[in-house]
PDB file of N, CA and C in Angstrom:
ATOM      1  N   MET A   1     107.823  94.005  93.323  1.00  0.00           N
ATOM      2  CA  MET A   1     107.418  95.358  93.621  1.00  0.00           C
ATOM      3  C   MET A   1     107.562  96.166  92.338  1.00  0.00           C
ATOM      4  N   THR A   2     106.621  97.062  92.152  1.00  0.00           N
ATOM      5  CA  THR A   2     106.626  97.851  90.945  1.00  0.00           C
ATOM      6  C   THR A   2     106.803  99.325  91.263  1.00  0.00           C
ATOM      7  N   ASP A   3     107.379 100.076  90.332  1.00  0.00           N
ATOM      8  CA  ASP A   3     107.546 101.505  90.516  1.00  0.00           C
ATOM      9  C   ASP A   3     106.381 102.287  89.930  1.00  0.00           C
ATOM     10  N   GLU A   4     105.451 101.607  89.267  1.00  0.00           N
ATOM     11  CA  GLU A   4     104.326 102.272  88.643  1.00  0.00           C
ATOM     12  C   GLU A   4     103.389 102.825  89.703  1.00  0.00           C
ATOM     13  N   SER A   5     102.934 104.051  89.502  1.00  0.00           N
ATOM     14  CA  SER A   5     102.010 104.668  90.445  1.00  0.00           C
ATOM     15  C   SER A   5     100.623 104.091  90.289  1.00  0.00           C
ATOM     16  N   LYS A   6      99.879 104.109  91.375  1.00  0.00           N
ATOM     17  CA  LYS A   6      98.490 103.675  91.357  1.00  0.00           C
ATOM     18  C   LYS A   6      97.633 104.877  91.705  1.00  0.00           C
ATOM     19  N   VAL A   7      96.571 105.103  90.942  1.00  0.00           N
ATOM     20  CA  VAL A   7      95.633 106.170  91.230  1.00  0.00           C
ATOM     21  C   VAL A   7      94.294 105.511  91.488  1.00  0.00           C
ATOM     22  N   VAL A   8      93.775 105.671  92.689  1.00  0.00           N
ATOM     23  CA  VAL A   8      92.509 105.077  93.059  1.00  0.00           C
ATOM     24  C   VAL A   8      91.449 106.158  92.980  1.00  0.00           C
ATOM     25  N   VAL A   9      90.381 105.888  92.211  1.00  0.00           N
ATOM     26  CA  VAL A   9      89.326 106.866  92.008  1.00  0.00           C
ATOM     27  C   VAL A   9      87.978 106.220  92.297  1.00  0.00           C
ATOM     28  N   ALA A  10      87.194 106.865  93.128  1.00  0.00           N
ATOM     29  CA  ALA A  10      85.833 106.409  93.377  1.00  0.00           C
ATOM     30  C   ALA A  10      84.933 107.185  92.416  1.00  0.00           C
ATOM     31  N   ALA A  11      84.718 106.617  91.239  1.00  0.00           N
ATOM     32  CA  ALA A  11      83.939 107.293  90.205  1.00  0.00           C
ATOM     33  C   ALA A  11      83.206 106.257  89.369  1.00  0.00           C
ATOM     34  N   PRO A  12      82.050 106.635  88.842  1.00  0.00           N
ATOM     35  CA  PRO A  12      81.318 105.721  87.960  1.00  0.00           C
ATOM     36  C   PRO A  12      82.133 105.408  86.702  1.00  0.00           C
ATOM     37  N   ALA A  13      81.847 104.278  86.113  1.00  0.00           N
ATOM     38  CA  ALA A  13      82.593 103.818  84.939  1.00  0.00           C
ATOM     39  C   ALA A  13      82.595 104.836  83.805  1.00  0.00           C
ATOM     40  N   GLN A  14      81.501 105.567  83.603  1.00  0.00           N
ATOM     41  CA  GLN A  14      81.430 106.521  82.491  1.00  0.00           C
ATOM     42  C   GLN A  14      82.369 107.708  82.674  1.00  0.00           C
ATOM     43  N   GLN A  15      82.884 107.906  83.873  1.00  0.00           N
ATOM     44  CA  GLN A  15      83.809 109.009  84.117  1.00  0.00           C
ATOM     45  C   GLN A  15      85.272 108.591  83.995  1.00  0.00           C
ATOM     46  N   ARG A  16      85.514 107.337  83.686  1.00  0.00           N
ATOM     47  CA  ARG A  16      86.896 106.861  83.592  1.00  0.00           C
ATOM     48  C   ARG A  16      87.672 107.523  82.459  1.00  0.00           C
ATOM     49  N   ASP A  17      87.072 107.619  81.271  1.00  0.00           N
ATOM     50  CA  ASP A  17      87.795 108.156  80.118  1.00  0.00           C
ATOM     51  C   ASP A  17      88.313 109.572  80.349  1.00  0.00           C
ATOM     52  N   PRO A  18      87.497 110.496  80.861  1.00  0.00           N
ATOM     53  CA  PRO A  18      88.046 111.842  81.115  1.00  0.00           C
ATOM     54  C   PRO A  18      89.165 111.831  82.159  1.00  0.00           C
ATOM     55  N   ILE A  19      89.047 110.967  83.133  1.00  0.00           N
ATOM     56  CA  ILE A  19      90.083 110.886  84.166  1.00  0.00           C
ATOM     57  C   ILE A  19      91.378 110.364  83.558  1.00  0.00           C
ATOM     58  N   ILE A  20      91.267 109.313  82.750  1.00  0.00           N
ATOM     59  CA  ILE A  20      92.449 108.744  82.092  1.00  0.00           C
ATOM     60  C   ILE A  20      93.107 109.786  81.195  1.00  0.00           C
ATOM     61  N   LYS A  21      92.299 110.534  80.421  1.00  0.00           N
ATOM     62  CA  LYS A  21      92.856 111.575  79.553  1.00  0.00           C
ATOM     63  C   LYS A  21      93.596 112.635  80.357  1.00  0.00           C
ATOM     64  N   ALA A  22      93.012 113.057  81.471  1.00  0.00           N
ATOM     65  CA  ALA A  22      93.644 114.082  82.300  1.00  0.00           C
ATOM     66  C   ALA A  22      94.972 113.578  82.864  1.00  0.00           C
ATOM     67  N   LEU A  23      94.998 112.329  83.284  1.00  0.00           N
ATOM     68  CA  LEU A  23      96.243 111.767  83.826  1.00  0.00           C
ATOM     69  C   LEU A  23      97.311 111.667  82.741  1.00  0.00           C
ATOM     70  N   GLN A  24      96.904 111.258  81.548  1.00  0.00           N
ATOM     71  CA  GLN A  24      97.857 111.153  80.438  1.00  0.00           C
ATOM     72  C   GLN A  24      98.370 112.522  80.030  1.00  0.00           C
ATOM     73  N   GLN A  25      97.480 113.523  79.997  1.00  0.00           N
ATOM     74  CA  GLN A  25      97.897 114.887  79.646  1.00  0.00           C
ATOM     75  C   GLN A  25      98.871 115.449  80.677  1.00  0.00           C
ATOM     76  N   ALA A  26      98.713 115.019  81.911  1.00  0.00           N
ATOM     77  CA  ALA A  26      99.626 115.470  82.967  1.00  0.00           C
ATOM     78  C   ALA A  26     100.956 114.730  82.901  1.00  0.00           C
ATOM     79  N   GLY A  27     101.045 113.775  81.993  1.00  0.00           N
ATOM     80  CA  GLY A  27     102.289 113.029  81.836  1.00  0.00           C
ATOM     81  C   GLY A  27     102.513 111.986  82.907  1.00  0.00           C
ATOM     82  N   LEU A  28     101.450 111.566  83.560  1.00  0.00           N
ATOM     83  CA  LEU A  28     101.573 110.571  84.618  1.00  0.00           C
ATOM     84  C   LEU A  28     101.440 109.172  84.051  1.00  0.00           C
ATOM     85  N   ASP A  29     102.427 108.344  84.327  1.00  0.00           N
ATOM     86  CA  ASP A  29     102.393 106.943  83.940  1.00  0.00           C
ATOM     87  C   ASP A  29     101.826 106.184  85.129  1.00  0.00           C
ATOM     88  N   CYS A  30     100.548 105.861  85.062  1.00  0.00           N
ATOM     89  CA  CYS A  30      99.913 105.268  86.233  1.00  0.00           C
ATOM     90  C   CYS A  30      98.842 104.264  85.814  1.00  0.00           C
ATOM     91  N   GLU A  31      98.306 103.608  86.812  1.00  0.00           N
ATOM     92  CA  GLU A  31      97.235 102.647  86.617  1.00  0.00           C
ATOM     93  C   GLU A  31      96.005 103.199  87.318  1.00  0.00           C
ATOM     94  N   LEU A  32      94.900 103.359  86.588  1.00  0.00           N
ATOM     95  CA  LEU A  32      93.668 103.860  87.156  1.00  0.00           C
ATOM     96  C   LEU A  32      92.869 102.695  87.730  1.00  0.00           C
ATOM     97  N   ILE A  33      92.475 102.835  88.984  1.00  0.00           N
ATOM     98  CA  ILE A  33      91.731 101.773  89.654  1.00  0.00           C
ATOM     99  C   ILE A  33      90.400 102.342  90.113  1.00  0.00           C
ATOM    100  N   CYS A  34      89.309 101.853  89.538  1.00  0.00           N
ATOM    101  CA  CYS A  34      87.979 102.291  89.945  1.00  0.00           C
ATOM    102  C   CYS A  34      87.268 101.207  90.750  1.00  0.00           C
ATOM    103  N   GLN A  35      87.634  99.977  90.524  1.00  0.00           N
ATOM    104  CA  GLN A  35      87.073  98.838  91.230  1.00  0.00           C
ATOM    105  C   GLN A  35      88.232  97.978  91.729  1.00  0.00           C
ATOM    106  N   PRO A  36      88.071  97.257  92.827  1.00  0.00           N
ATOM    107  CA  PRO A  36      89.175  96.427  93.327  1.00  0.00           C
ATOM    108  C   PRO A  36      89.755  95.485  92.283  1.00  0.00           C
ATOM    109  N   GLN A  37      88.916  94.906  91.452  1.00  0.00           N
ATOM    110  CA  GLN A  37      89.407  93.960  90.457  1.00  0.00           C
ATOM    111  C   GLN A  37      90.204  94.632  89.339  1.00  0.00           C
ATOM    112  N   ASP A  38      90.190  95.972  89.277  1.00  0.00           N
ATOM    113  CA  ASP A  38      90.968  96.700  88.269  1.00  0.00           C
ATOM    114  C   ASP A  38      92.457  96.727  88.599  1.00  0.00           C
ATOM    115  N   CYS A  39      92.804  96.475  89.837  1.00  0.00           N
ATOM    116  CA  CYS A  39      94.199  96.562  90.259  1.00  0.00           C
ATOM    117  C   CYS A  39      94.968  95.328  89.805  1.00  0.00           C
ATOM    118  N   SER A  40      96.078  95.544  89.126  1.00  0.00           N
ATOM    119  CA  SER A  40      96.874  94.424  88.642  1.00  0.00           C
ATOM    120  C   SER A  40      97.524  93.661  89.787  1.00  0.00           C
ATOM    121  N   GLU A  41      97.605  94.280  90.956  1.00  0.00           N
ATOM    122  CA  GLU A  41      98.203  93.624  92.114  1.00  0.00           C
ATOM    123  C   GLU A  41      97.171  93.369  93.212  1.00  0.00           C
ATOM    124  N   ALA A  42      95.906  93.235  92.814  1.00  0.00           N
ATOM    125  CA  ALA A  42      94.821  93.066  93.789  1.00  0.00           C
ATOM    126  C   ALA A  42      95.077  91.957  94.810  1.00  0.00           C
ATOM    127  N   PRO A  43      95.626  90.808  94.418  1.00  0.00           N
ATOM    128  CA  PRO A  43      95.847  89.770  95.426  1.00  0.00           C
ATOM    129  C   PRO A  43      96.828  90.169  96.524  1.00  0.00           C
ATOM    130  N   LEU A  44      97.681  91.153  96.248  1.00  0.00           N
ATOM    131  CA  LEU A  44      98.675  91.586  97.231  1.00  0.00           C
ATOM    132  C   LEU A  44      98.342  92.937  97.849  1.00  0.00           C
ATOM    133  N   CYS A  45      97.236  93.527  97.459  1.00  0.00           N
ATOM    134  CA  CYS A  45      96.928  94.895  97.858  1.00  0.00           C
ATOM    135  C   CYS A  45      96.435  94.961  99.295  1.00  0.00           C
ATOM    136  N   ARG A  46      97.158  95.679 100.132  1.00  0.00           N
ATOM    137  CA  ARG A  46      96.783  95.802 101.543  1.00  0.00           C
ATOM    138  C   ARG A  46      95.572  96.701 101.721  1.00  0.00           C
ATOM    139  N   TRP A  47      95.257  97.562 100.753  1.00  0.00           N
ATOM    140  CA  TRP A  47      94.094  98.432 100.868  1.00  0.00           C
ATOM    141  C   TRP A  47      92.815  97.686 100.532  1.00  0.00           C
ATOM    142  N   LEU A  48      92.894  96.772  99.590  1.00  0.00           N
ATOM    143  CA  LEU A  48      91.686  96.111  99.121  1.00  0.00           C
ATOM    144  C   LEU A  48      91.185  95.044 100.074  1.00  0.00           C
ATOM    145  N   ALA A  49      92.065  94.223 100.577  1.00  0.00           N
ATOM    146  CA  ALA A  49      91.632  93.127 101.446  1.00  0.00           C
ATOM    147  C   ALA A  49      92.793  92.607 102.280  1.00  0.00           C
ATOM    148  N   PRO A  50      93.283  93.392 103.217  1.00  0.00           N
ATOM    149  CA  PRO A  50      94.465  92.957 103.966  1.00  0.00           C
ATOM    150  C   PRO A  50      94.237  91.686 104.770  1.00  0.00           C
ATOM    151  N   ASP A  51      93.012  91.463 105.222  1.00  0.00           N
ATOM    152  CA  ASP A  51      92.736  90.277 106.031  1.00  0.00           C
ATOM    153  C   ASP A  51      92.594  89.017 105.188  1.00  0.00           C
ATOM    154  N   GLN A  52      92.467  89.179 103.879  1.00  0.00           N
ATOM    155  CA  GLN A  52      92.276  88.040 103.006  1.00  0.00           C
ATOM    156  C   GLN A  52      93.564  87.598 102.315  1.00  0.00           C
ATOM    157  N   LEU A  53      94.674  88.217 102.644  1.00  0.00           N
ATOM    158  CA  LEU A  53      95.936  87.834 102.030  1.00  0.00           C
ATOM    159  C   LEU A  53      96.364  86.465 102.541  1.00  0.00           C
ATOM    160  N   SER A  54      96.909  85.671 101.641  1.00  0.00           N
ATOM    161  CA  SER A  54      97.454  84.380 102.056  1.00  0.00           C
ATOM    162  C   SER A  54      98.737  84.627 102.848  1.00  0.00           C
ATOM    163  N   GLU A  55      99.195  83.608 103.537  1.00  0.00           N
ATOM    164  CA  GLU A  55     100.431  83.734 104.314  1.00  0.00           C
ATOM    165  C   GLU A  55     101.602  84.095 103.406  1.00  0.00           C
ATOM    166  N   ARG A  56     101.664  83.485 102.240  1.00  0.00           N
ATOM    167  CA  ARG A  56     102.750  83.780 101.292  1.00  0.00           C
ATOM    168  C   ARG A  56     102.684  85.234 100.825  1.00  0.00           C
ATOM    169  N   SER A  57     101.482  85.732 100.577  1.00  0.00           N
ATOM    170  CA  SER A  57     101.330  87.122 100.142  1.00  0.00           C
ATOM    171  C   SER A  57     101.719  88.081 101.253  1.00  0.00           C
ATOM    172  N   ARG A  58     101.388  87.738 102.500  1.00  0.00           N
ATOM    173  CA  ARG A  58     101.772  88.588 103.626  1.00  0.00           C
ATOM    174  C   ARG A  58     103.296  88.628 103.772  1.00  0.00           C
ATOM    175  N   VAL A  59     103.951  87.499 103.569  1.00  0.00           N
ATOM    176  CA  VAL A  59     105.419  87.463 103.638  1.00  0.00           C
ATOM    177  C   VAL A  59     106.001  88.359 102.554  1.00  0.00           C
ATOM    178  N   ARG A  60     105.476  88.253 101.352  1.00  0.00           N
ATOM    179  CA  ARG A  60     105.966  89.086 100.250  1.00  0.00           C
ATOM    180  C   ARG A  60     105.740  90.568 100.556  1.00  0.00           C
ATOM    181  N   PHE A  61     104.548  90.892 101.066  1.00  0.00           N
ATOM    182  CA  PHE A  61     104.244  92.279 101.393  1.00  0.00           C
ATOM    183  C   PHE A  61     105.198  92.823 102.447  1.00  0.00           C
ATOM    184  N   VAL A  62     105.441  92.052 103.498  1.00  0.00           N
ATOM    185  CA  VAL A  62     106.330  92.504 104.576  1.00  0.00           C
ATOM    186  C   VAL A  62     107.752  92.687 104.049  1.00  0.00           C
ATOM    187  N   LEU A  63     108.222  91.774 103.209  1.00  0.00           N
ATOM    188  CA  LEU A  63     109.556  91.923 102.623  1.00  0.00           C
ATOM    189  C   LEU A  63     109.632  93.180 101.758  1.00  0.00           C
ATOM    190  N   GLU A  64     108.623  93.405 100.920  1.00  0.00           N
ATOM    191  CA  GLU A  64     108.611  94.593 100.062  1.00  0.00           C
ATOM    192  C   GLU A  64     108.577  95.864 100.905  1.00  0.00           C
ATOM    193  N   ASP A  65     107.804  95.852 101.984  1.00  0.00           N
ATOM    194  CA  ASP A  65     107.711  97.012 102.858  1.00  0.00           C
ATOM    195  C   ASP A  65     109.055  97.284 103.540  1.00  0.00           C
ATOM    196  N   ALA A  66     109.711  96.240 104.023  1.00  0.00           N
ATOM    197  CA  ALA A  66     111.015  96.401 104.679  1.00  0.00           C
ATOM    198  C   ALA A  66     112.052  96.931 103.692  1.00  0.00           C
ATOM    199  N   ILE A  67     112.060  96.393 102.487  1.00  0.00           N
ATOM    200  CA  ILE A  67     113.007  96.841 101.460  1.00  0.00           C
ATOM    201  C   ILE A  67     112.749  98.307 101.116  1.00  0.00           C
ATOM    202  N   ALA A  68     111.478  98.679 100.964  1.00  0.00           N
ATOM    203  CA  ALA A  68     111.140 100.069 100.638  1.00  0.00           C
ATOM    204  C   ALA A  68     111.569 101.011 101.755  1.00  0.00           C
ATOM    205  N   THR A  69     111.377 100.602 102.999  1.00  0.00           N
ATOM    206  CA  THR A  69     111.781 101.431 104.135  1.00  0.00           C
ATOM    207  C   THR A  69     113.296 101.612 104.154  1.00  0.00           C
ATOM    208  N   LEU A  70     114.022 100.525 103.940  1.00  0.00           N
ATOM    209  CA  LEU A  70     115.483 100.616 103.899  1.00  0.00           C
ATOM    210  C   LEU A  70     115.948 101.500 102.738  1.00  0.00           C
ATOM    211  N   GLU A  71     115.267 101.391 101.603  1.00  0.00           N
ATOM    212  CA  GLU A  71     115.618 102.200 100.436  1.00  0.00           C
ATOM    213  C   GLU A  71     115.364 103.686 100.708  1.00  0.00           C
ATOM    214  N   GLN A  72     114.239 103.993 101.328  1.00  0.00           N
ATOM    215  CA  GLN A  72     113.885 105.387 101.599  1.00  0.00           C
ATOM    216  C   GLN A  72     114.802 106.031 102.633  1.00  0.00           C
ATOM    217  N   THR A  73     115.353 105.245 103.526  1.00  0.00           N
ATOM    218  CA  THR A  73     116.178 105.803 104.603  1.00  0.00           C
ATOM    219  C   THR A  73     117.673 105.608 104.379  1.00  0.00           C
ATOM    220  N   ARG A  74     118.062 105.100 103.231  1.00  0.00           N
ATOM    221  CA  ARG A  74     119.480 104.771 103.023  1.00  0.00           C
ATOM    222  C   ARG A  74     120.383 105.996 103.037  1.00  0.00           C
ATOM    223  N   HIS A  75     119.874 107.145 102.597  1.00  0.00           N
ATOM    224  CA  HIS A  75     120.714 108.345 102.596  1.00  0.00           C
ATOM    225  C   HIS A  75     120.828 108.947 103.997  1.00  0.00           C
ATOM    226  N   ALA A  76     119.839 108.694 104.819  1.00  0.00           N
ATOM    227  CA  ALA A  76     119.858 109.244 106.180  1.00  0.00           C
ATOM    228  C   ALA A  76     120.847 108.499 107.067  1.00  0.00           C
ATOM    229  N   PHE A  77     120.991 107.199 106.847  1.00  0.00           N
ATOM    230  CA  PHE A  77     121.818 106.401 107.741  1.00  0.00           C
ATOM    231  C   PHE A  77     123.174 106.024 107.154  1.00  0.00           C
ATOM    232  N   ARG A  78     123.241 105.867 105.836  1.00  0.00           N
ATOM    233  CA  ARG A  78     124.499 105.522 105.161  1.00  0.00           C
ATOM    234  C   ARG A  78     125.247 104.389 105.852  1.00  0.00           C
ATOM    235  N   SER A  79     124.530 103.331 106.103  1.00  0.00           N
ATOM    236  CA  SER A  79     125.105 102.194 106.807  1.00  0.00           C
ATOM    237  C   SER A  79     125.353 101.048 105.830  1.00  0.00           C
ATOM    238  N   ARG A  80     126.556 100.535 105.824  1.00  0.00           N
ATOM    239  CA  ARG A  80     126.870  99.382 104.967  1.00  0.00           C
ATOM    240  C   ARG A  80     126.092  98.153 105.425  1.00  0.00           C
ATOM    241  N   GLN A  81     125.889  98.051 106.731  1.00  0.00           N
ATOM    242  CA  GLN A  81     125.138  96.905 107.247  1.00  0.00           C
ATOM    243  C   GLN A  81     123.683  96.951 106.787  1.00  0.00           C
ATOM    244  N   LEU A  82     123.076  98.144 106.810  1.00  0.00           N
ATOM    245  CA  LEU A  82     121.691  98.258 106.335  1.00  0.00           C
ATOM    246  C   LEU A  82     121.610  98.043 104.824  1.00  0.00           C
ATOM    247  N   ALA A  83     122.613  98.502 104.101  1.00  0.00           N
ATOM    248  CA  ALA A  83     122.638  98.273 102.655  1.00  0.00           C
ATOM    249  C   ALA A  83     122.755  96.783 102.363  1.00  0.00           C
ATOM    250  N   ALA A  84     123.602  96.098 103.118  1.00  0.00           N
ATOM    251  CA  ALA A  84     123.760  94.655 102.931  1.00  0.00           C
ATOM    252  C   ALA A  84     122.465  93.924 103.279  1.00  0.00           C
ATOM    253  N   LEU A  85     121.805  94.374 104.343  1.00  0.00           N
ATOM    254  CA  LEU A  85     120.522  93.776 104.717  1.00  0.00           C
ATOM    255  C   LEU A  85     119.494  93.974 103.617  1.00  0.00           C
ATOM    256  N   ARG A  86     119.431  95.173 103.064  1.00  0.00           N
ATOM    257  CA  ARG A  86     118.492  95.457 101.968  1.00  0.00           C
ATOM    258  C   ARG A  86     118.769  94.544 100.774  1.00  0.00           C
ATOM    259  N   HIS A  87     120.037  94.365 100.440  1.00  0.00           N
ATOM    260  CA  HIS A  87     120.387  93.498  99.313  1.00  0.00           C
ATOM    261  C   HIS A  87     120.030  92.034  99.607  1.00  0.00           C
ATOM    262  N   ARG A  88     120.234  91.597 100.835  1.00  0.00           N
ATOM    263  CA  ARG A  88     119.860  90.221 101.189  1.00  0.00           C
ATOM    264  C   ARG A  88     118.350  90.028 101.108  1.00  0.00           C
ATOM    265  N   LEU A  89     117.607  91.015 101.585  1.00  0.00           N
ATOM    266  CA  LEU A  89     116.144  90.921 101.512  1.00  0.00           C
ATOM    267  C   LEU A  89     115.663  90.938 100.062  1.00  0.00           C
ATOM    268  N   GLN A  90     116.284  91.775  99.235  1.00  0.00           N
ATOM    269  CA  GLN A  90     115.930  91.795  97.813  1.00  0.00           C
ATOM    270  C   GLN A  90     116.214  90.447  97.161  1.00  0.00           C
ATOM    271  N   GLY A  91     117.347  89.838  97.515  1.00  0.00           N
ATOM    272  CA  GLY A  91     117.679  88.513  96.988  1.00  0.00           C
ATOM    273  C   GLY A  91     116.684  87.464  97.457  1.00  0.00           C
ATOM    274  N   LEU A  92     116.294  87.540  98.724  1.00  0.00           N
ATOM    275  CA  LEU A  92     115.303  86.606  99.254  1.00  0.00           C
ATOM    276  C   LEU A  92     113.968  86.777  98.545  1.00  0.00           C
ATOM    277  N   LEU A  93     113.539  88.009  98.368  1.00  0.00           N
ATOM    278  CA  LEU A  93     112.279  88.265  97.670  1.00  0.00           C
ATOM    279  C   LEU A  93     112.348  87.750  96.239  1.00  0.00           C
ATOM    280  N   GLN A  94     113.473  87.962  95.581  1.00  0.00           N
ATOM    281  CA  GLN A  94     113.648  87.472  94.212  1.00  0.00           C
ATOM    282  C   GLN A  94     113.571  85.951  94.161  1.00  0.00           C
ATOM    283  N   SER A  95     114.249  85.286  95.079  1.00  0.00           N
ATOM    284  CA  SER A  95     114.226  83.817  95.080  1.00  0.00           C
ATOM    285  C   SER A  95     112.841  83.285  95.416  1.00  0.00           C
ATOM    286  N   LEU A  96     112.141  83.958  96.307  1.00  0.00           N
ATOM    287  CA  LEU A  96     110.773  83.529  96.633  1.00  0.00           C
ATOM    288  C   LEU A  96     109.846  83.749  95.435  1.00  0.00           C
ATOM    289  N   SER A  97     110.054  84.835  94.707  1.00  0.00           N
ATOM    290  CA  SER A  97     109.234  85.115  93.513  1.00  0.00           C
ATOM    291  C   SER A  97     109.467  84.044  92.445  1.00  0.00           C
ATOM    292  N   GLU A  98     110.714  83.627  92.314  1.00  0.00           N
ATOM    293  CA  GLU A  98     111.033  82.589  91.340  1.00  0.00           C
ATOM    294  C   GLU A  98     110.420  81.257  91.723  1.00  0.00           C
ATOM    295  N   ASP A  99     110.184  81.047  93.029  1.00  0.00           N
ATOM    296  CA  ASP A  99     109.564  79.831  93.522  1.00  0.00           C
ATOM    297  C   ASP A  99     108.050  79.898  93.516  1.00  0.00           C
ATOM    298  N   GLY A 100     107.502  81.013  93.005  1.00  0.00           N
ATOM    299  CA  GLY A 100     106.060  81.125  92.889  1.00  0.00           C
ATOM    300  C   GLY A 100     105.371  81.892  93.976  1.00  0.00           C
ATOM    301  N   LEU A 101     106.099  82.698  94.724  1.00  0.00           N
ATOM    302  CA  LEU A 101     105.463  83.518  95.755  1.00  0.00           C
ATOM    303  C   LEU A 101     104.898  84.759  95.160  1.00  0.00           C
TER     304      LEU A 101
END
């Protein structure tokens, strides 16, 4: 999972440069996506082709989603059990990534 923002723009290729300049001037560290193949995470992207994800990619996506949800709600619940679960899921995702997932 990456912390880099994604900006999806439906614009012709000739309009990319002004958009990129505007994003850089705004100080945004992001990836501009005008076509599906422009996304560095296209094989895992649920917006581009959720039905075409492999089983392994779906497992990775679900783990990342669960970890993100636990991370976003950790201050609301302050549960050691949920924190431990988040850490176990992160470890599982890491080990699966090392195995080529």
